[in-house]
Amino acid sequence: MSVPERIGRYRVRRRLGSGAFATVWLADDEALGTSVAVKVLADNWTHHVDVRTRFAEEARILRRAESDRLVRVLDVGELADGRPYLVMTYASGGTLAERLETGPMPVRDALATAADLARGVAVLHGLGIIHRDLKPSNVLFTGPGTAERVLVGDLGLAKALAHGSGFTIIAGSPGYMAPEQARLGGGLDVRADVYALGALTYHMLTGRPPSLPASVQAVAAAAAMPVVRPSRVRSEIPSRVDGVVLRALNPDPARRWPSAVAFADALDAAAVGRPVRRFVPLRWLAAASVLTVVAVLVGTAWADGPLLQSRWTRVVDASHSLSVAVPAAWAGQVRDSGWNPQSIRLPAGRAPGLVVGADLAAWSDPTTAVPGVFVGASRALRGATPALPDHSTCAPEPDRQYRTGSTTAAVQRWTRCGGTTISFTEALITPSTGDYGIYVQIRQVDGVDHTEEILRGVWTSESLAPAV
């Protein structure tokens, strides 16, 4: 491949790498006196509308993120022959693939790199984006030295979480892609990236990926085979690291870490020997009296096992204290600003909570047909009777109460609000342990009642300790 003299206003020095869809060149921005990486779409894909659209989408995602954990897009342009190009951060430290050519990384370095990478991927997840193609060549470093940073690159296969239940093209890299990615139309959420993070961590620790399927079609079969514990491949790896990595590699998405941040936190804990936090189901869920939704808080997503299958998504709050499973179509947006129980006329303060919905800008208006769920925990809820929101335009259903062991659930539900199919469920969960309660509000808009499934999908961390 000949080296072009210039790409737009950038003087080309050499080729950095190439793939199926594009070539990346090292170039100089002479106006600013800096080096850049220029990614040019391959000429054989120039007239493929879907590929050009994906190329442009990568630029939009990276510009929207503007994170130090992701490669940044600095400029865009188009060559005379019609090929588009992106001008991006030049990662002078090379790629993870290059570093792994000489074997595994030092254990501490591998764990730190994996945790940093996971937090970079979490930035994408916070934007509602799944990467789908995490592999060593897509992990970059800003440069050697103590200030080196890990960057997530190549978002050519990235997709919105909102579209995760209907992928029609199998995409990913064997050895790192989750088994559900190998199924046409299979539901995907952020746990597909968690699997890839686990595979990358395994490779960094042991010098090889956990499996080497010969093709994309063989991915699911390879993932179902038992993975050798990292500590058995390399004796200096602490055994406590095994469980953290193998959980990320579980073929069942419901058994993986719920989010990239949860995986990063577990890696940090394993690196220094701290206990790893676990999520436990609330012996059953539940809840009770009506409350109004207030501020909120957020996290990332995953689907729950037998309960939720592929069309459901689990969202974890930023403190990793609460999570809830919702229909995937609802999981368009999340926020993580916490909540104040004063909104339901309880003592003021800040506490763990999350809200997830199709359009949070419209969430505050109860008349909009926007489905979503709010979950908040607080000590102020334990044994309290919060103020109920006004559902006077709705038809009340009989109150319901559930009990499993010592966990109780009281539920009130209103339907046909304003003569529409909008309904509200207000619930208060009293867990069997702890000194807190959990408030849940559910807005549904299609006449289908998911109340029981959603309440059963409320989980808390064993270490949950609300601030209020």
Protein backbone atom coordinates (compact mmCIF):
# COMPACT_ATOMS: atom_id res chain seq x y z
CA MET A 1 0.00 0.00 0.00
CA SER A 2 1.52 3.31 -1.05
CA VAL A 3 1.79 6.10 1.50
CA PRO A 4 -0.19 9.22 0.54
CA GLU A 5 1.68 12.48 0.91
CA ARG A 6 -1.27 14.25 2.50
CA ILE A 7 -4.74 13.54 3.80
CA GLY A 8 -6.56 16.84 3.78
CA ARG A 9 -4.26 19.35 5.48
CA TYR A 10 -2.37 16.63 7.36
CA ARG A 11 1.08 15.47 6.21
CA VAL A 12 1.28 11.66 6.35
CA ARG A 13 4.32 9.95 7.88
CA ARG A 14 3.51 6.24 7.91
CA ARG A 15 0.78 3.64 8.22
CA LEU A 16 -0.18 2.67 11.77
CA GLY A 17 -2.47 -0.20 10.88
CA SER A 18 -5.37 -1.36 8.75
CA GLY A 19 -8.46 -3.49 9.09
CA ALA A 20 -11.38 -4.71 7.03
CA PHE A 21 -12.97 -1.26 6.73
CA ALA A 22 -10.28 1.36 7.18
CA THR A 23 -6.60 2.25 7.33
CA VAL A 24 -5.06 4.41 10.04
CA TRP A 25 -2.14 6.71 9.25
CA LEU A 26 0.23 8.66 11.47
CA ALA A 27 0.28 12.26 10.31
CA ASP A 28 1.43 15.70 11.38
CA ASP A 29 -0.88 18.62 12.06
CA GLU A 30 1.61 21.27 10.95
CA ALA A 31 -0.65 24.14 11.97
CA LEU A 32 -0.76 22.99 15.59
CA GLY A 33 2.60 21.23 15.68
CA THR A 34 1.28 17.88 16.88
CA SER A 35 0.93 14.28 15.72
CA VAL A 36 -2.48 12.81 14.90
CA ALA A 37 -3.94 9.53 13.72
CA VAL A 38 -6.03 9.73 10.54
CA LYS A 39 -8.52 6.92 9.89
CA VAL A 40 -9.57 6.63 6.22
CA LEU A 41 -12.41 4.43 4.99
CA ALA A 42 -11.20 1.72 2.60
CA ASP A 43 -11.96 2.51 -1.05
CA ASN A 44 -13.89 -0.73 -1.59
CA TRP A 45 -16.42 0.39 1.05
CA THR A 46 -16.84 3.97 -0.16
CA HIS A 47 -20.20 3.36 -1.83
CA HIS A 48 -21.69 1.16 0.91
CA VAL A 49 -24.17 3.43 2.64
CA ASP A 50 -24.36 1.33 5.81
CA VAL A 51 -20.57 1.29 6.24
CA ARG A 52 -20.27 5.04 5.63
CA THR A 53 -23.06 5.61 8.14
CA ARG A 54 -21.23 3.47 10.72
CA PHE A 55 -18.03 5.41 10.03
CA ALA A 56 -19.78 8.72 10.64
CA GLU A 57 -21.51 7.35 13.73
CA GLU A 58 -18.14 6.51 15.28
CA ALA A 59 -17.14 10.16 14.97
CA ARG A 60 -20.40 11.35 16.51
CA ILE A 61 -20.10 8.97 19.47
CA LEU A 62 -16.53 9.99 20.23
CA ARG A 63 -17.32 13.69 19.92
CA ARG A 64 -20.30 13.29 22.23
CA ALA A 65 -18.25 11.46 24.85
CA GLU A 66 -15.30 13.89 25.03
CA SER A 67 -13.64 11.66 27.62
CA ASP A 68 -9.98 11.22 28.51
CA ARG A 69 -10.68 7.48 28.54
CA LEU A 70 -11.67 7.37 24.86
CA VAL A 71 -9.85 8.24 21.67
CA ARG A 72 -10.93 11.77 20.71
CA VAL A 73 -12.06 12.90 17.26
CA LEU A 74 -10.34 16.17 16.38
CA ASP A 75 -11.52 16.70 12.80
CA VAL A 76 -13.40 15.06 9.93
CA GLY A 77 -13.10 15.37 6.18
CA GLU A 78 -13.48 13.73 2.79
CA LEU A 79 -10.84 12.92 0.18
CA ALA A 80 -11.19 13.87 -3.46
CA ASP A 81 -12.25 10.30 -4.30
CA GLY A 82 -15.13 10.52 -1.82
CA ARG A 83 -13.61 8.52 1.04
CA PRO A 84 -14.36 10.02 4.47
CA TYR A 85 -11.68 10.29 7.14
CA LEU A 86 -11.48 10.97 10.87
CA VAL A 87 -8.62 12.78 12.57
CA MET A 88 -8.09 11.37 16.04
CA THR A 89 -5.83 11.29 19.07
CA TYR A 90 -2.48 9.68 18.30
CA ALA A 91 -1.79 7.05 20.96
CA SER A 92 2.01 7.11 21.02
CA GLY A 93 2.18 4.24 23.51
CA GLY A 94 0.90 1.77 20.95
CA THR A 95 -1.77 -0.90 21.37
CA LEU A 96 -2.40 -3.66 23.86
CA ALA A 97 -1.92 -6.15 21.02
CA GLU A 98 1.65 -4.94 20.59
CA ARG A 99 2.37 -5.25 24.30
CA LEU A 100 1.01 -8.79 24.45
CA GLU A 101 3.25 -9.97 21.64
CA THR A 102 6.00 -10.62 24.19
CA GLY A 103 3.77 -12.49 26.65
CA PRO A 104 1.60 -11.70 29.67
CA MET A 105 1.85 -8.42 31.59
CA PRO A 106 2.95 -8.14 35.22
CA VAL A 107 -0.08 -9.09 37.32
CA ARG A 108 -0.47 -5.71 39.00
CA ASP A 109 -0.14 -3.89 35.66
CA ALA A 110 -2.66 -6.21 34.03
CA LEU A 111 -5.25 -5.64 36.76
CA ALA A 112 -4.73 -1.87 36.73
CA THR A 113 -4.94 -1.71 32.94
CA ALA A 114 -8.08 -3.85 32.90
CA ALA A 115 -9.76 -1.65 35.54
CA ASP A 116 -8.88 1.54 33.62
CA LEU A 117 -10.15 -0.02 30.40
CA ALA A 118 -13.41 -1.07 32.05
CA ARG A 119 -14.00 2.47 33.27
CA GLY A 120 -13.40 3.76 29.76
CA VAL A 121 -15.98 1.33 28.41
CA ALA A 122 -18.35 2.49 31.16
CA VAL A 123 -18.21 5.98 29.64
CA LEU A 124 -19.71 4.52 26.45
CA HIS A 125 -22.31 2.62 28.43
CA GLY A 126 -23.29 5.84 30.18
CA LEU A 127 -24.06 7.25 26.72
CA GLY A 128 -26.22 4.22 25.94
CA ILE A 129 -23.59 2.66 23.64
CA ILE A 130 -22.25 -0.92 23.44
CA HIS A 131 -18.76 -1.22 21.93
CA ARG A 132 -19.18 -4.83 20.63
CA ASP A 133 -15.57 -5.21 19.41
CA LEU A 134 -13.23 -4.90 22.38
CA LYS A 135 -9.95 -6.64 21.56
CA PRO A 136 -6.23 -5.96 22.09
CA SER A 137 -5.80 -3.92 18.91
CA ASN A 138 -8.61 -1.58 20.00
CA VAL A 139 -7.00 -0.77 23.36
CA LEU A 140 -4.44 2.03 23.10
CA PHE A 141 -2.01 3.84 25.37
CA THR A 142 -1.19 7.55 25.33
CA GLY A 143 2.53 6.95 25.81
CA PRO A 144 5.11 5.47 28.17
CA GLY A 145 5.72 6.92 31.59
CA THR A 146 3.83 7.51 34.83
CA ALA A 147 1.19 9.67 33.11
CA GLU A 148 0.24 6.95 30.63
CA ARG A 149 -3.48 6.51 30.05
CA VAL A 150 -5.52 3.65 28.61
CA LEU A 151 -7.81 4.63 25.74
CA VAL A 152 -10.72 2.79 24.17
CA GLY A 153 -10.61 2.99 20.38
CA ASP A 154 -12.30 1.81 17.18
CA LEU A 155 -16.03 2.20 17.68
CA GLY A 156 -16.82 0.99 14.18
CA LEU A 157 -19.18 -1.70 15.51
CA ALA A 158 -20.59 0.31 18.41
CA LYS A 159 -24.38 0.32 18.72
CA ALA A 160 -27.00 2.04 20.83
CA LEU A 161 -28.34 -0.02 23.74
CA ALA A 162 -31.83 0.82 22.56
CA HIS A 163 -31.18 -1.36 19.49
CA GLY A 164 -29.64 -4.22 21.46
CA SER A 165 -32.61 -6.55 21.20
CA GLY A 166 -32.60 -6.76 17.41
CA PHE A 167 -29.12 -7.03 15.89
CA THR A 168 -29.40 -8.61 12.44
CA ILE A 169 -25.66 -8.92 11.71
CA ILE A 170 -23.24 -11.02 13.74
CA ALA A 171 -20.26 -8.84 14.62
CA GLY A 172 -17.27 -9.08 16.91
CA SER A 173 -13.88 -10.76 17.21
CA PRO A 174 -13.63 -14.49 18.10
CA GLY A 175 -11.78 -14.99 21.35
CA TYR A 176 -13.23 -11.82 22.89
CA MET A 177 -16.88 -11.63 21.81
CA ALA A 178 -19.64 -12.83 24.12
CA PRO A 179 -21.55 -15.96 23.05
CA GLU A 180 -24.80 -14.01 22.66
CA GLN A 181 -23.11 -11.93 19.95
CA ALA A 182 -22.86 -15.03 17.79
CA ARG A 183 -26.65 -15.37 17.60
CA LEU A 184 -28.59 -13.45 14.97
CA GLY A 185 -31.18 -11.24 16.61
CA GLY A 186 -29.82 -12.12 20.05
CA GLY A 187 -30.45 -9.52 22.73
CA LEU A 188 -27.33 -7.58 23.71
CA ASP A 189 -26.62 -5.18 26.52
CA VAL A 190 -23.53 -3.92 28.33
CA ARG A 191 -22.78 -7.39 29.65
CA ALA A 192 -21.55 -8.34 26.18
CA ASP A 193 -18.77 -5.79 26.69
CA VAL A 194 -18.20 -7.09 30.24
CA TYR A 195 -17.47 -10.51 28.71
CA ALA A 196 -14.94 -8.95 26.32
CA LEU A 197 -13.33 -7.09 29.24
CA GLY A 198 -13.01 -10.40 31.05
CA ALA A 199 -11.40 -11.99 27.99
CA LEU A 200 -8.94 -9.11 27.65
CA THR A 201 -8.07 -9.32 31.35
CA TYR A 202 -7.50 -13.07 31.02
CA HIS A 203 -5.21 -12.45 28.04
CA MET A 204 -3.23 -9.78 29.88
CA LEU A 205 -2.78 -12.07 32.89
CA THR A 206 -2.00 -15.35 31.11
CA GLY A 207 -0.67 -14.34 27.69
CA ARG A 208 -3.56 -15.92 25.82
CA PRO A 209 -7.32 -15.36 25.44
CA PRO A 210 -9.62 -17.73 27.37
CA SER A 211 -10.73 -19.49 24.15
CA LEU A 212 -9.63 -19.50 20.54
CA PRO A 213 -12.71 -20.30 18.41
CA ALA A 214 -11.89 -20.83 14.78
CA SER A 215 -14.78 -18.66 13.60
CA VAL A 216 -17.59 -16.42 14.75
CA GLN A 217 -19.94 -19.37 14.42
CA ALA A 218 -17.85 -21.35 16.92
CA VAL A 219 -17.90 -18.63 19.59
CA ALA A 220 -20.91 -19.93 21.55
CA ALA A 221 -19.56 -23.50 21.65
CA ALA A 222 -16.12 -22.31 22.76
CA ALA A 223 -17.58 -20.11 25.50
CA ALA A 224 -19.54 -23.07 26.89
CA MET A 225 -16.31 -25.00 27.53
CA PRO A 226 -14.80 -24.66 31.03
CA VAL A 227 -12.18 -21.91 31.24
CA VAL A 228 -8.92 -22.77 32.97
CA ARG A 229 -8.47 -20.58 36.02
CA PRO A 230 -5.86 -17.86 35.44
CA SER A 231 -3.95 -18.95 38.57
CA ARG A 232 -3.52 -22.44 37.10
CA VAL A 233 -2.02 -21.00 33.93
CA ARG A 234 0.30 -18.67 35.85
CA SER A 235 1.06 -19.45 39.48
CA GLU A 236 1.80 -15.87 40.63
CA ILE A 237 -1.78 -14.77 39.92
CA PRO A 238 -3.65 -14.61 43.28
CA SER A 239 -6.51 -17.09 43.44
CA ARG A 240 -8.87 -14.27 44.45
CA VAL A 241 -8.44 -12.86 40.93
CA ASP A 242 -9.82 -16.07 39.41
CA GLY A 243 -13.37 -15.52 40.56
CA VAL A 244 -13.45 -11.90 39.38
CA VAL A 245 -12.28 -12.78 35.87
CA LEU A 246 -14.28 -15.99 35.49
CA ARG A 247 -17.48 -14.23 36.53
CA ALA A 248 -16.99 -11.77 33.69
CA LEU A 249 -16.53 -14.75 31.32
CA ASN A 250 -19.66 -16.62 32.36
CA PRO A 251 -21.58 -17.76 29.22
CA ASP A 252 -24.81 -16.73 30.97
CA PRO A 253 -25.06 -12.91 30.90
CA ALA A 254 -27.13 -12.94 34.10
CA ARG A 255 -24.19 -14.42 36.00
CA ARG A 256 -21.63 -11.87 34.86
CA TRP A 257 -20.74 -8.61 36.56
CA PRO A 258 -23.70 -6.29 36.06
CA SER A 259 -21.64 -3.44 34.66
CA ALA A 260 -18.18 -2.44 33.50
CA VAL A 261 -17.77 -0.29 36.62
CA ALA A 262 -18.70 -3.20 38.89
CA PHE A 263 -16.04 -5.30 37.14
CA ALA A 264 -13.46 -2.50 37.53
CA ASP A 265 -14.25 -2.17 41.23
CA ALA A 266 -13.92 -5.93 41.70
CA LEU A 267 -10.53 -5.89 39.94
CA ASP A 268 -9.34 -3.08 42.22
CA ALA A 269 -10.50 -4.99 45.28
CA ALA A 270 -8.82 -8.20 44.11
CA ALA A 271 -5.58 -6.35 43.40
CA VAL A 272 -5.22 -5.29 47.03
CA GLY A 273 -7.00 -8.21 48.66
CA ARG A 274 -10.21 -6.44 49.68
CA PRO A 275 -13.47 -8.45 49.77
CA VAL A 276 -15.38 -8.21 46.51
CA ARG A 277 -18.90 -6.78 46.84
CA ARG A 278 -21.74 -9.09 45.85
CA PHE A 279 -25.26 -8.35 44.68
CA VAL A 280 -28.06 -10.39 46.23
CA PRO A 281 -31.73 -10.63 45.35
CA LEU A 282 -34.15 -9.17 47.88
CA ARG A 283 -35.71 -12.49 48.83
CA TRP A 284 -38.53 -11.15 46.87
CA LEU A 285 -39.23 -7.61 46.37
CA ALA A 286 -41.91 -5.51 46.87
CA ALA A 287 -43.24 -2.53 47.94
CA ALA A 288 -45.93 -0.52 48.91
CA SER A 289 -47.37 2.80 49.22
CA VAL A 290 -47.32 5.32 46.56
CA LEU A 291 -44.62 7.83 46.23
CA THR A 292 -43.54 10.36 43.81
CA VAL A 293 -40.40 10.25 41.87
CA VAL A 294 -37.73 12.72 42.57
CA ALA A 295 -34.19 13.16 41.63
CA VAL A 296 -32.40 10.15 40.50
CA LEU A 297 -29.40 8.24 39.88
CA VAL A 298 -28.08 5.65 37.49
CA GLY A 299 -25.71 3.14 36.23
CA THR A 300 -25.43 0.58 33.46
CA ALA A 301 -27.28 -2.42 32.23
CA TRP A 302 -27.61 -6.24 32.21
CA ALA A 303 -30.48 -8.73 31.84
CA ASP A 304 -31.58 -11.11 34.55
CA GLY A 305 -31.54 -14.91 34.24
CA PRO A 306 -34.69 -16.98 34.02
CA LEU A 307 -36.77 -13.98 34.97
CA LEU A 308 -35.71 -11.62 32.29
CA GLN A 309 -34.23 -13.32 29.25
CA SER A 310 -32.83 -11.28 26.38
CA ARG A 311 -35.51 -8.63 26.08
CA TRP A 312 -34.83 -7.26 29.54
CA THR A 313 -32.00 -5.08 30.74
CA ARG A 314 -30.56 -4.63 34.22
CA VAL A 315 -29.51 -1.15 35.34
CA VAL A 316 -27.14 -0.58 38.27
CA ASP A 317 -26.88 2.70 40.17
CA ALA A 318 -23.61 4.64 40.33
CA SER A 319 -22.93 3.57 43.93
CA HIS A 320 -23.38 -0.08 42.93
CA SER A 321 -25.88 -0.40 45.78
CA LEU A 322 -29.10 -0.87 43.81
CA SER A 323 -30.13 -2.43 40.55
CA VAL A 324 -33.38 -3.13 38.75
CA ALA A 325 -34.32 -5.09 35.64
CA VAL A 326 -36.63 -3.49 33.08
CA PRO A 327 -37.85 -4.26 29.55
CA ALA A 328 -34.99 -3.41 27.18
CA ALA A 329 -37.17 -0.94 25.27
CA TRP A 330 -37.41 1.17 28.42
CA ALA A 331 -33.64 1.42 28.93
CA GLY A 332 -33.04 4.42 26.72
CA GLN A 333 -31.59 6.75 29.38
CA VAL A 334 -30.43 6.68 32.99
CA ARG A 335 -29.24 9.34 35.47
CA ASP A 336 -27.11 9.16 38.61
CA SER A 337 -27.74 12.28 40.68
CA GLY A 338 -29.25 10.41 43.65
CA TRP A 339 -32.56 11.16 45.29
CA ASN A 340 -33.92 13.11 48.25
CA PRO A 341 -36.66 11.40 50.33
CA GLN A 342 -37.99 14.85 51.20
CA SER A 343 -39.81 14.67 47.88
CA ILE A 344 -42.20 12.19 49.49
CA ARG A 345 -42.35 14.18 52.74
CA LEU A 346 -39.75 12.17 54.62
CA PRO A 347 -36.61 13.61 56.29
CA ALA A 348 -34.34 15.34 53.79
CA GLY A 349 -31.01 13.91 52.69
CA ARG A 350 -29.22 12.11 49.87
CA ALA A 351 -29.48 8.38 49.29
CA PRO A 352 -28.82 5.71 46.63
CA GLY A 353 -31.34 5.64 43.81
CA LEU A 354 -31.73 5.34 40.08
CA VAL A 355 -34.15 6.15 37.33
CA VAL A 356 -34.29 4.50 33.94
CA GLY A 357 -36.69 5.37 31.15
CA ALA A 358 -37.19 5.74 27.45
CA ASP A 359 -36.99 9.56 27.63
CA LEU A 360 -36.01 11.12 30.96
CA ALA A 361 -36.63 14.64 29.70
CA ALA A 362 -40.34 13.76 29.65
CA TRP A 363 -40.27 11.69 32.84
CA SER A 364 -41.28 14.54 35.17
CA ASP A 365 -44.59 14.95 33.33
CA PRO A 366 -46.88 12.11 34.53
CA THR A 367 -49.18 12.54 31.53
CA THR A 368 -46.53 11.55 28.97
CA ALA A 369 -46.55 8.01 27.59
CA VAL A 370 -42.95 7.33 28.61
CA PRO A 371 -42.30 4.01 30.40
CA GLY A 372 -39.74 3.89 33.18
CA VAL A 373 -38.84 2.91 36.73
CA PHE A 374 -37.48 4.78 39.73
CA VAL A 375 -35.84 2.90 42.62
CA GLY A 376 -34.53 4.61 45.76
CA ALA A 377 -33.29 3.34 49.12
CA SER A 378 -33.31 5.23 52.40
CA ARG A 379 -33.33 4.61 56.13
CA ALA A 380 -36.16 7.14 56.27
CA LEU A 381 -38.36 4.61 54.44
CA ARG A 382 -38.08 1.94 57.12
CA GLY A 383 -41.48 1.74 58.77
CA ALA A 384 -42.51 5.13 57.36
CA THR A 385 -45.69 6.15 55.55
CA PRO A 386 -44.59 8.37 52.68
CA ALA A 387 -46.87 10.88 51.00
CA LEU A 388 -48.66 9.51 47.95
CA PRO A 389 -48.62 11.25 44.59
CA ASP A 390 -51.86 12.39 43.04
CA HIS A 391 -53.27 9.72 40.75
CA SER A 392 -56.80 11.08 40.86
CA THR A 393 -57.19 10.82 37.06
CA CYS A 394 -56.55 7.06 37.24
CA ALA A 395 -58.63 4.04 38.29
CA PRO A 396 -57.27 2.45 41.50
CA GLU A 397 -56.81 -1.30 41.76
CA PRO A 398 -57.06 -3.19 45.07
CA ASP A 399 -53.93 -2.91 47.21
CA ARG A 400 -51.66 -5.92 47.12
CA GLN A 401 -49.17 -7.25 49.63
CA TYR A 402 -46.51 -9.90 49.20
CA ARG A 403 -44.39 -11.71 51.74
CA THR A 404 -41.45 -14.04 51.27
CA GLY A 405 -39.78 -15.00 54.51
CA SER A 406 -39.39 -11.76 56.43
CA THR A 407 -39.34 -9.54 53.35
CA THR A 408 -42.61 -7.76 52.71
CA ALA A 409 -43.97 -5.89 49.77
CA ALA A 410 -46.92 -3.53 49.63
CA VAL A 411 -48.11 -2.41 46.21
CA GLN A 412 -50.67 0.11 45.01
CA ARG A 413 -51.51 0.38 41.32
CA TRP A 414 -53.55 2.80 39.20
CA THR A 415 -54.61 2.19 35.60
CA ARG A 416 -56.31 4.04 32.70
CA CYS A 417 -54.79 7.33 33.81
CA GLY A 418 -56.43 10.24 32.02
CA GLY A 419 -58.42 7.77 29.93
CA THR A 420 -55.22 6.37 28.39
CA THR A 421 -53.27 3.13 28.74
CA ILE A 422 -50.83 4.80 31.16
CA SER A 423 -50.61 3.14 34.58
CA PHE A 424 -48.61 3.75 37.77
CA THR A 425 -47.38 1.33 40.40
CA GLU A 426 -46.14 2.66 43.74
CA ALA A 427 -44.34 0.20 45.98
CA LEU A 428 -42.37 0.06 49.22
CA ILE A 429 -40.02 -2.87 49.80
CA THR A 430 -39.07 -3.80 53.31
CA PRO A 431 -36.00 -6.05 53.05
CA SER A 432 -35.53 -8.88 55.51
CA THR A 433 -32.19 -7.44 56.63
CA GLY A 434 -30.82 -3.93 56.97
CA ASP A 435 -32.26 -0.74 58.40
CA TYR A 436 -33.55 0.72 55.16
CA GLY A 437 -36.55 0.56 52.86
CA ILE A 438 -36.76 0.71 49.10
CA TYR A 439 -39.22 2.80 47.14
CA VAL A 440 -40.19 1.82 43.60
CA GLN A 441 -42.33 3.74 41.12
CA ILE A 442 -43.21 2.18 37.77
CA ARG A 443 -44.86 3.97 34.85
CA GLN A 444 -46.24 1.69 32.12
CA VAL A 445 -47.88 2.86 28.92
CA ASP A 446 -48.96 -0.10 26.79
CA GLY A 447 -51.58 -1.78 28.95
CA VAL A 448 -49.23 -4.66 29.82
CA ASP A 449 -48.46 -5.06 33.53
CA HIS A 450 -44.82 -5.87 34.31
CA THR A 451 -45.12 -4.92 37.98
CA GLU A 452 -44.34 -8.33 39.44
CA GLU A 453 -41.37 -9.00 37.15
CA ILE A 454 -39.85 -5.58 37.84
CA LEU A 455 -40.26 -5.89 41.60
CA ARG A 456 -38.73 -9.35 41.52
CA GLY A 457 -35.81 -7.83 39.61
CA VAL A 458 -34.89 -5.32 42.34
CA TRP A 459 -31.50 -6.25 43.82
CA THR A 460 -29.29 -4.65 46.45
CA SER A 461 -25.65 -4.96 47.38
CA GLU A 462 -24.93 -6.80 50.61
CA SER A 463 -23.04 -3.71 51.74
CA LEU A 464 -25.79 -1.21 50.94
CA ALA A 465 -25.75 1.53 53.54
CA PRO A 466 -28.00 4.45 52.56
CA ALA A 467 -26.85 7.85 53.66
CA VAL A 468 -30.25 8.82 55.00
